[in-house]
Protein backbone atom coordinates (compact mmCIF):
# COMPACT_ATOMS: atom_id res chain seq x y z
CA MET A 1 -10.35 25.78 -27.86
CA ILE A 2 -8.12 23.59 -25.71
CA ASN A 3 -4.48 22.94 -26.49
CA VAL A 4 -3.24 19.52 -25.45
CA GLN A 5 0.20 17.97 -25.70
CA ILE A 6 0.28 14.31 -26.69
CA ASP A 7 3.31 12.06 -26.57
CA GLU A 8 4.25 10.92 -30.09
CA SER A 9 3.90 7.24 -29.21
CA ASP A 10 0.39 7.86 -27.84
CA ALA A 11 -0.51 9.85 -30.96
CA LEU A 12 0.74 6.99 -33.14
CA ASP A 13 -1.31 4.50 -31.12
CA MET A 14 -4.41 6.65 -31.59
CA LEU A 15 -3.85 6.91 -35.34
CA LEU A 16 -3.32 3.17 -35.70
CA GLU A 17 -6.39 2.35 -33.64
CA ARG A 18 -8.39 4.30 -36.21
CA VAL A 19 -6.66 2.47 -39.08
CA GLU A 20 -7.74 -0.76 -37.37
CA PHE A 21 -11.32 0.50 -37.61
CA TRP A 22 -10.96 0.21 -41.39
CA THR A 23 -8.89 -2.95 -41.72
CA GLU A 24 -7.65 -5.94 -39.80
CA ASP A 25 -4.89 -6.62 -42.35
CA ARG A 26 -1.68 -6.41 -40.30
CA ASP A 27 0.43 -5.74 -43.39
CA VAL A 28 -1.67 -2.70 -44.30
CA ILE A 29 -1.66 -1.49 -40.70
CA ASP A 30 2.14 -1.79 -40.72
CA LEU A 31 2.34 0.44 -43.81
CA TYR A 32 0.20 3.09 -42.10
CA ASN A 33 2.38 2.71 -39.01
CA GLN A 34 5.43 3.51 -41.14
CA MET A 35 3.73 6.51 -42.73
CA TYR A 36 2.38 8.02 -39.51
CA SER A 37 5.65 7.36 -37.66
CA PHE A 38 7.47 9.31 -40.38
CA TYR A 39 4.93 12.12 -40.16
CA LEU A 40 5.28 12.32 -36.39
CA ASP A 41 9.09 12.29 -36.61
CA CYS A 42 8.97 15.13 -39.14
CA GLY A 43 6.57 17.21 -37.05
CA VAL A 44 3.74 17.16 -39.59
CA PHE A 45 1.11 17.30 -36.86
CA ASP A 46 2.92 19.78 -34.60
CA GLY A 47 0.97 22.89 -33.71
CA GLY A 48 -2.05 22.02 -35.80
CA GLU A 49 -5.40 20.40 -35.37
CA PHE A 50 -5.00 16.71 -34.59
CA ASN A 51 -8.34 15.16 -35.49
CA ILE A 52 -7.71 11.42 -35.63
CA MET A 53 -10.84 10.58 -37.59
CA ASN A 54 -10.27 13.30 -40.19
CA ILE A 55 -6.64 12.34 -40.68
CA VAL A 56 -7.03 8.58 -40.92
CA ASP A 57 -10.41 8.45 -42.63
CA ASN A 58 -9.30 10.85 -45.34
CA ASP A 59 -6.05 8.98 -45.86
CA TYR A 60 -7.66 5.54 -45.86
CA ILE A 61 -10.71 6.38 -47.99
CA ASN A 62 -9.64 9.27 -50.23
CA ASN A 63 -5.92 9.91 -50.30
CA CYS A 64 -3.96 6.66 -50.12
CA THR A 65 -4.08 3.13 -51.44
CA VAL A 66 -2.00 0.00 -51.07
CA ILE A 67 -0.69 -1.44 -54.33
CA ASP A 68 0.91 -4.77 -55.12
CA ASP A 69 2.31 -6.42 -58.22
CA SER A 70 -1.12 -6.30 -59.89
CA ASP A 71 -0.57 -2.56 -60.42
CA PRO A 72 1.01 -1.99 -63.84
CA ASN A 73 3.51 0.48 -62.36
CA PHE A 74 4.39 -1.58 -59.30
CA GLU A 75 7.92 -2.56 -60.33
CA LYS A 76 8.92 1.02 -61.18
CA ILE A 77 7.37 2.37 -57.97
CA MET A 78 9.12 -0.29 -55.86
CA GLU A 79 12.40 0.53 -57.60
CA LEU A 80 11.94 4.20 -56.69
CA ALA A 81 10.98 3.29 -53.13
CA LEU A 82 14.13 1.21 -52.72
CA GLU A 83 16.17 4.19 -53.98
CA GLY A 84 14.64 6.30 -51.21
CA GLU A 85 12.38 8.34 -53.45
CA ARG A 86 9.17 9.63 -51.92
CA ASP A 87 7.90 12.26 -54.35
CA ILE A 88 6.90 10.49 -57.55
CA SER A 89 4.48 13.12 -58.80
CA CYS A 90 6.58 13.85 -61.89
CA GLU A 91 6.98 10.20 -62.84
CA ASP A 92 3.55 9.78 -64.53
CA LEU A 93 2.84 6.62 -62.53
CA GLY A 94 -0.60 7.58 -61.29
CA TYR A 95 0.43 8.52 -57.75
CA SER A 96 2.11 11.48 -56.10
CA PHE A 97 4.03 10.02 -53.14
CA ILE A 98 5.38 6.76 -51.83
CA GLU A 99 4.32 6.79 -48.19
CA ALA A 100 5.61 3.39 -47.08
CA PHE A 101 6.54 0.00 -48.49
CA ASN A 102 7.26 -3.57 -47.54
CA GLU A 103 9.54 -5.17 -50.12
CA GLU A 104 9.23 -8.62 -48.56
CA LYS A 105 5.42 -8.57 -48.73
CA GLY A 106 5.38 -6.77 -52.08
CA LEU A 107 3.20 -3.90 -50.85
CA ILE A 108 3.47 -0.14 -51.28
CA LEU A 109 1.35 2.55 -49.65
CA VAL A 110 0.98 5.39 -52.14
CA ARG A 111 -0.77 8.74 -52.07
CA TYR A 112 -2.85 9.88 -55.02
């Protein structure tokens, strides 16, 4: 095992490069940028295994989705996002967390 220190901005770039493997949609990439920036700021990846493919691929394919106003719970979720709520697991809205949002574009990145 090798321990390596990575600057947070480099780690974010690496994560986003992998998101770009899955999508070219700049709005979606921006949502993942918000989410991973928050995670890095909070130290979520500190001291643990930092496997870019596992992190991003699992988030993009299995754990997260981007919703818009076609989701029946969109308005309520956006309202909660604007109030600063992140944990919505007790709200019975079909998702557990608000990871990021763009009010102007009408997009929310949520975790199942």
